[in-house]
């Protein structure tokens, strides 16, 4: 967790879903109050899917491998690598904890 941004992984074993989200912090703390569009009372984007953020920066490039019929545990391992690639290639500002790391989505 940084001072401005943090990365959160969400694993839903029941639905077999895995996601990575970027959260904007206030004074190093999570903002837990936001609307259905993940905006706070001032209209600031406080939560965003890394995939959505990377897609806006990557254009039409494919960001995920398609693991097909693999067991969920193996899919998660592949998706972790995909998220790592997205951060490394399209999220350097996030990794550097830049306060502007979500600026293009505000």
Protein backbone atom coordinates (compact mmCIF):
# COMPACT_ATOMS: atom_id res chain seq x y z
CA UNK A 1 0.00 0.00 0.00
CA UNK A 2 1.32 3.38 -0.99
CA UNK A 3 0.38 6.84 0.19
CA UNK A 4 -1.75 7.67 -2.88
CA UNK A 5 -2.73 4.35 -4.44
CA UNK A 6 -2.98 0.72 -3.52
CA UNK A 7 -3.54 -2.50 -5.44
CA UNK A 8 -6.24 -4.93 -4.31
CA UNK A 9 -6.85 -8.44 -5.62
CA UNK A 10 -10.35 -9.86 -5.36
CA UNK A 11 -10.83 -13.63 -5.48
CA UNK A 12 -14.33 -15.09 -5.69
CA UNK A 13 -13.98 -18.87 -5.61
CA UNK A 14 -17.73 -19.48 -5.74
CA UNK A 15 -18.13 -17.51 -9.00
CA UNK A 16 -14.62 -18.47 -10.13
CA UNK A 17 -13.75 -14.84 -10.69
CA UNK A 18 -10.52 -12.96 -10.08
CA UNK A 19 -9.95 -9.22 -10.42
CA UNK A 20 -7.37 -6.60 -9.63
CA UNK A 21 -8.44 -3.11 -8.64
CA UNK A 22 -6.59 0.14 -8.07
CA UNK A 23 -7.80 2.21 -5.12
CA UNK A 24 -7.11 5.89 -4.60
CA UNK A 25 -6.16 6.62 -0.99
CA UNK A 26 -6.74 9.72 1.10
CA UNK A 27 -3.86 10.43 3.47
CA UNK A 28 -2.70 6.83 3.07
CA UNK A 29 -6.11 5.40 4.04
CA UNK A 30 -8.75 3.56 2.00
CA UNK A 31 -11.86 5.44 1.01
CA UNK A 32 -14.73 3.09 1.75
CA UNK A 33 -17.55 5.47 0.93
CA UNK A 34 -18.31 5.77 -2.77
CA UNK A 35 -21.24 5.43 -5.12
CA UNK A 36 -22.14 2.68 -7.60
CA UNK A 37 -19.75 4.28 -10.11
CA UNK A 38 -16.87 4.15 -7.59
CA UNK A 39 -16.79 7.92 -7.12
CA UNK A 40 -16.64 9.72 -3.79
CA UNK A 41 -18.86 12.66 -2.76
CA UNK A 42 -16.60 15.08 -4.69
CA UNK A 43 -16.89 13.03 -7.90
CA UNK A 44 -13.34 11.65 -7.63
CA UNK A 45 -12.80 8.15 -9.00
CA UNK A 46 -11.65 6.11 -6.00
CA UNK A 47 -11.70 2.56 -7.36
CA UNK A 48 -10.99 1.15 -10.81
CA UNK A 49 -10.41 -2.24 -12.34
CA UNK A 50 -6.80 -2.58 -13.50
CA UNK A 51 -8.11 -4.21 -16.67
CA UNK A 52 -10.31 -1.18 -17.44
CA UNK A 53 -7.47 1.22 -16.72
CA UNK A 54 -4.96 -0.77 -18.81
CA UNK A 55 -7.48 -1.17 -21.64
CA UNK A 56 -7.86 2.60 -21.88
CA UNK A 57 -4.09 2.87 -22.29
CA UNK A 58 -3.44 -0.23 -24.42
CA UNK A 59 -5.97 0.36 -27.17
CA UNK A 60 -6.88 -2.88 -28.93
CA UNK A 61 -4.04 -5.03 -27.55
CA UNK A 62 -5.13 -8.25 -25.88
CA UNK A 63 -4.37 -8.07 -22.16
CA UNK A 64 -5.45 -11.53 -20.95
CA UNK A 65 -4.45 -15.01 -21.96
CA UNK A 66 -7.38 -17.35 -22.56
CA UNK A 67 -6.71 -20.34 -20.29
CA UNK A 68 -9.66 -22.34 -21.63
CA UNK A 69 -10.77 -25.33 -19.58
CA UNK A 70 -7.97 -25.25 -17.01
CA UNK A 71 -8.84 -25.62 -13.33
CA UNK A 72 -9.62 -22.30 -11.62
CA UNK A 73 -6.42 -22.39 -9.54
CA UNK A 74 -4.31 -22.57 -12.71
CA UNK A 75 -6.37 -19.79 -14.34
CA UNK A 76 -5.69 -17.52 -11.35
CA UNK A 77 -1.96 -18.15 -11.73
CA UNK A 78 -2.12 -17.17 -15.41
CA UNK A 79 -4.25 -14.09 -14.67
CA UNK A 80 -1.80 -12.99 -11.96
CA UNK A 81 0.90 -12.94 -14.63
CA UNK A 82 -1.41 -10.98 -16.92
CA UNK A 83 -2.07 -8.39 -14.21
CA UNK A 84 1.65 -8.16 -13.47
CA UNK A 85 2.25 -7.46 -17.17
CA UNK A 86 -0.48 -4.79 -17.23
CA UNK A 87 1.09 -3.04 -14.25
CA UNK A 88 4.59 -3.22 -15.66
CA UNK A 89 3.63 -2.01 -19.15
CA UNK A 90 0.62 0.28 -18.57
CA UNK A 91 0.79 1.09 -14.87
CA UNK A 92 4.23 2.49 -14.06
CA UNK A 93 2.57 5.54 -12.51
CA UNK A 94 0.57 3.22 -10.26
CA UNK A 95 3.67 1.29 -9.22
CA UNK A 96 5.40 4.61 -8.46
CA UNK A 97 2.40 5.57 -6.28
CA UNK A 98 1.80 8.69 -8.37
CA UNK A 99 -1.21 10.73 -7.25
CA UNK A 100 -2.03 10.96 -10.99
CA UNK A 101 -2.08 7.16 -11.41
CA UNK A 102 -5.79 7.18 -12.11
CA UNK A 103 -5.88 10.64 -13.72
CA UNK A 104 -7.05 9.46 -17.12
CA UNK A 105 -10.11 7.85 -15.53
CA UNK A 106 -11.26 10.83 -13.42
